[in-house]
Amino acid sequence: MRTPYPEIRYTVSVQFIGQIFLDHNPYALFEALLNFVMLFPVGLFMPLFFKRKKAVKTTLFGAAFTLFIEITQLITHLGEFQTDDVILNISGCAAGVCIYILISHFSKDIGKAHALK
């Protein structure tokens, strides 16, 4: 359980790029990877639930879910609203969508090749 902070905490500037690439901070890299990976499965599997505009709907859901998490942290004082987290979560979701698109594209090609035999 987190202890609520007495004040609202937020970071609007993008800091993970400098911390990872300039400062070579392994903790920042680990945090960035965790935030990226957090919504990757959503991007990978959520398109299965949509019939049309799968990529757009899934990415928008990932963005809305991320904002929900960050705003909840802001309101409840149980975390810190960070722009870095928003960027990395949405990027992870979008990367999952890209992998989904690649897999579905190649699976259709494989299916067509087997149908021709």
C-alpha atoms as a PDB file:
ATOM      1  CA  MET A   1       0.000   0.000   0.000  1.00  0.00           C
ATOM      2  CA  ARG A   2       1.172   3.466  -0.796  1.00  0.00           C
ATOM      3  CA  THR A   3       0.970   6.215   1.755  1.00  0.00           C
ATOM      4  CA  PRO A   4      -0.778   9.289   0.343  1.00  0.00           C
ATOM      5  CA  TYR A   5       1.422  12.303  -0.246  1.00  0.00           C
ATOM      6  CA  PRO A   6       0.325  15.502   1.494  1.00  0.00           C
ATOM      7  CA  GLU A   7       0.489  17.437  -1.789  1.00  0.00           C
ATOM      8  CA  ILE A   8      -0.355  16.803  -5.420  1.00  0.00           C
ATOM      9  CA  ARG A   9       2.703  15.551  -7.297  1.00  0.00           C
ATOM     10  CA  TYR A  10       3.197  15.830 -11.034  1.00  0.00           C
ATOM     11  CA  THR A  11       5.984  16.069 -13.591  1.00  0.00           C
ATOM     12  CA  VAL A  12       5.112  17.642 -16.919  1.00  0.00           C
ATOM     13  CA  SER A  13       8.576  17.617 -18.495  1.00  0.00           C
ATOM     14  CA  VAL A  14       9.921  14.571 -20.320  1.00  0.00           C
ATOM     15  CA  GLN A  15      12.835  13.335 -18.225  1.00  0.00           C
ATOM     16  CA  PHE A  16      13.390   9.689 -19.100  1.00  0.00           C
ATOM     17  CA  ILE A  17      15.282  10.441 -22.322  1.00  0.00           C
ATOM     18  CA  GLY A  18      17.955  12.467 -20.565  1.00  0.00           C
ATOM     19  CA  GLN A  19      18.127  10.102 -17.602  1.00  0.00           C
ATOM     20  CA  ILE A  20      18.606   7.054 -19.810  1.00  0.00           C
ATOM     21  CA  PHE A  21      20.774   8.358 -22.635  1.00  0.00           C
ATOM     22  CA  LEU A  22      22.692  11.222 -21.013  1.00  0.00           C
ATOM     23  CA  ASP A  23      22.939  10.166 -17.365  1.00  0.00           C
ATOM     24  CA  HIS A  24      23.029   6.402 -18.103  1.00  0.00           C
ATOM     25  CA  ASN A  25      20.692   5.809 -15.167  1.00  0.00           C
ATOM     26  CA  PRO A  26      19.808   2.082 -15.031  1.00  0.00           C
ATOM     27  CA  TYR A  27      16.847   2.739 -12.703  1.00  0.00           C
ATOM     28  CA  ALA A  28      15.337   5.163 -15.242  1.00  0.00           C
ATOM     29  CA  LEU A  29      15.826   2.582 -18.002  1.00  0.00           C
ATOM     30  CA  PHE A  30      14.115  -0.087 -15.901  1.00  0.00           C
ATOM     31  CA  GLU A  31      11.192   2.232 -15.092  1.00  0.00           C
ATOM     32  CA  ALA A  32      10.866   3.217 -18.753  1.00  0.00           C
ATOM     33  CA  LEU A  33      10.796  -0.431 -19.839  1.00  0.00           C
ATOM     34  CA  LEU A  34       8.177  -1.282 -17.219  1.00  0.00           C
ATOM     35  CA  ASN A  35       5.956   1.582 -18.358  1.00  0.00           C
ATOM     36  CA  PHE A  36       6.412   0.559 -21.999  1.00  0.00           C
ATOM     37  CA  VAL A  37       5.652  -3.113 -21.312  1.00  0.00           C
ATOM     38  CA  MET A  38       2.675  -2.360 -19.050  1.00  0.00           C
ATOM     39  CA  LEU A  39       0.210  -1.724 -21.901  1.00  0.00           C
ATOM     40  CA  PHE A  40       1.967  -3.790 -24.575  1.00  0.00           C
ATOM     41  CA  PRO A  41      -0.362  -6.795 -23.984  1.00  0.00           C
ATOM     42  CA  VAL A  42      -3.392  -4.505 -24.324  1.00  0.00           C
ATOM     43  CA  GLY A  43      -2.156  -3.412 -27.747  1.00  0.00           C
ATOM     44  CA  LEU A  44      -1.404  -6.984 -28.729  1.00  0.00           C
ATOM     45  CA  PHE A  45      -4.687  -8.632 -27.703  1.00  0.00           C
ATOM     46  CA  MET A  46      -7.379  -5.929 -27.587  1.00  0.00           C
ATOM     47  CA  PRO A  47      -7.701  -5.655 -31.402  1.00  0.00           C
ATOM     48  CA  LEU A  48      -9.257  -9.124 -31.277  1.00  0.00           C
ATOM     49  CA  PHE A  49     -12.378  -7.533 -29.761  1.00  0.00           C
ATOM     50  CA  PHE A  50     -12.966  -5.001 -32.533  1.00  0.00           C
ATOM     51  CA  LYS A  51     -14.255  -5.559 -36.068  1.00  0.00           C
ATOM     52  CA  ARG A  52     -13.213  -2.283 -37.696  1.00  0.00           C
ATOM     53  CA  LYS A  53     -10.538   0.337 -37.016  1.00  0.00           C
ATOM     54  CA  LYS A  54      -8.830  -2.013 -34.591  1.00  0.00           C
ATOM     55  CA  ALA A  55      -5.568  -0.086 -34.358  1.00  0.00           C
ATOM     56  CA  VAL A  56      -7.198   3.288 -33.745  1.00  0.00           C
ATOM     57  CA  LYS A  57      -9.686   1.993 -31.165  1.00  0.00           C
ATOM     58  CA  THR A  58      -7.051   0.020 -29.294  1.00  0.00           C
ATOM     59  CA  THR A  59      -4.579   2.909 -29.185  1.00  0.00           C
ATOM     60  CA  LEU A  60      -7.310   5.284 -28.019  1.00  0.00           C
ATOM     61  CA  PHE A  61      -8.304   2.810 -25.309  1.00  0.00           C
ATOM     62  CA  GLY A  62      -4.654   2.585 -24.215  1.00  0.00           C
ATOM     63  CA  ALA A  63      -4.419   6.375 -24.059  1.00  0.00           C
ATOM     64  CA  ALA A  64      -7.676   6.673 -22.090  1.00  0.00           C
ATOM     65  CA  PHE A  65      -6.617   3.918 -19.678  1.00  0.00           C
ATOM     66  CA  THR A  66      -3.232   5.566 -19.139  1.00  0.00           C
ATOM     67  CA  LEU A  67      -4.830   8.927 -18.459  1.00  0.00           C
ATOM     68  CA  PHE A  68      -7.257   7.252 -16.057  1.00  0.00           C
ATOM     69  CA  ILE A  69      -4.350   5.755 -14.105  1.00  0.00           C
ATOM     70  CA  GLU A  70      -2.351   8.982 -14.033  1.00  0.00           C
ATOM     71  CA  ILE A  71      -5.320  11.196 -13.103  1.00  0.00           C
ATOM     72  CA  THR A  72      -6.298   8.734 -10.371  1.00  0.00           C
ATOM     73  CA  GLN A  73      -2.765   9.005  -8.951  1.00  0.00           C
ATOM     74  CA  LEU A  74      -3.034  12.777  -9.106  1.00  0.00           C
ATOM     75  CA  ILE A  75      -6.421  12.974  -7.393  1.00  0.00           C
ATOM     76  CA  THR A  76      -5.760  10.381  -4.691  1.00  0.00           C
ATOM     77  CA  HIS A  77      -2.208  11.613  -3.951  1.00  0.00           C
ATOM     78  CA  LEU A  78      -1.069   7.969  -4.181  1.00  0.00           C
ATOM     79  CA  GLY A  79       1.414   8.535  -6.941  1.00  0.00           C
ATOM     80  CA  GLU A  80       2.779  11.103  -9.309  1.00  0.00           C
ATOM     81  CA  PHE A  81       1.276  12.176 -12.621  1.00  0.00           C
ATOM     82  CA  GLN A  82       4.191  11.890 -15.050  1.00  0.00           C
ATOM     83  CA  THR A  83       4.205  12.794 -18.707  1.00  0.00           C
ATOM     84  CA  ASP A  84       6.911  10.153 -19.193  1.00  0.00           C
ATOM     85  CA  ASP A  85       4.499   7.445 -18.051  1.00  0.00           C
ATOM     86  CA  VAL A  86       1.793   8.624 -20.439  1.00  0.00           C
ATOM     87  CA  ILE A  87       4.195   8.640 -23.401  1.00  0.00           C
ATOM     88  CA  LEU A  88       5.691   5.242 -22.599  1.00  0.00           C
ATOM     89  CA  ASN A  89       2.347   3.544 -21.859  1.00  0.00           C
ATOM     90  CA  ILE A  90       0.795   4.760 -25.106  1.00  0.00           C
ATOM     91  CA  SER A  91       3.966   3.806 -27.014  1.00  0.00           C
ATOM     92  CA  GLY A  92       3.829   0.309 -25.539  1.00  0.00           C
ATOM     93  CA  CYS A  93       0.179  -0.063 -26.511  1.00  0.00           C
ATOM     94  CA  ALA A  94       0.900   1.192 -30.043  1.00  0.00           C
ATOM     95  CA  ALA A  95       3.855  -1.217 -30.344  1.00  0.00           C
ATOM     96  CA  GLY A  96       1.553  -4.074 -29.344  1.00  0.00           C
ATOM     97  CA  VAL A  97      -0.903  -2.993 -32.041  1.00  0.00           C
ATOM     98  CA  CYS A  98       1.926  -2.961 -34.616  1.00  0.00           C
ATOM     99  CA  ILE A  99       2.951  -6.505 -33.650  1.00  0.00           C
ATOM    100  CA  TYR A 100      -0.701  -7.574 -33.859  1.00  0.00           C
ATOM    101  CA  ILE A 101      -0.958  -6.103 -37.370  1.00  0.00           C
ATOM    102  CA  LEU A 102       2.228  -7.885 -38.467  1.00  0.00           C
ATOM    103  CA  ILE A 103       1.080 -11.207 -37.040  1.00  0.00           C
ATOM    104  CA  SER A 104      -2.377 -10.933 -38.596  1.00  0.00           C
ATOM    105  CA  HIS A 105      -0.898  -9.918 -41.959  1.00  0.00           C
ATOM    106  CA  PHE A 106       1.546 -12.834 -42.044  1.00  0.00           C
ATOM    107  CA  SER A 107      -1.038 -15.315 -40.786  1.00  0.00           C
ATOM    108  CA  LYS A 108      -3.356 -14.330 -43.666  1.00  0.00           C
ATOM    109  CA  ASP A 109      -0.487 -14.836 -46.129  1.00  0.00           C
ATOM    110  CA  ILE A 110       0.281 -18.244 -44.623  1.00  0.00           C
ATOM    111  CA  GLY A 111      -3.423 -19.166 -44.782  1.00  0.00           C
ATOM    112  CA  LYS A 112      -3.609 -18.150 -48.445  1.00  0.00           C
ATOM    113  CA  ALA A 113      -0.485 -20.148 -49.271  1.00  0.00           C
ATOM    114  CA  HIS A 114      -1.937 -23.276 -47.638  1.00  0.00           C
ATOM    115  CA  ALA A 115      -5.267 -22.765 -49.436  1.00  0.00           C
ATOM    116  CA  LEU A 116      -3.490 -22.728 -52.813  1.00  0.00           C
ATOM    117  CA  LYS A 117      -1.877 -26.139 -52.219  1.00  0.00           C
END
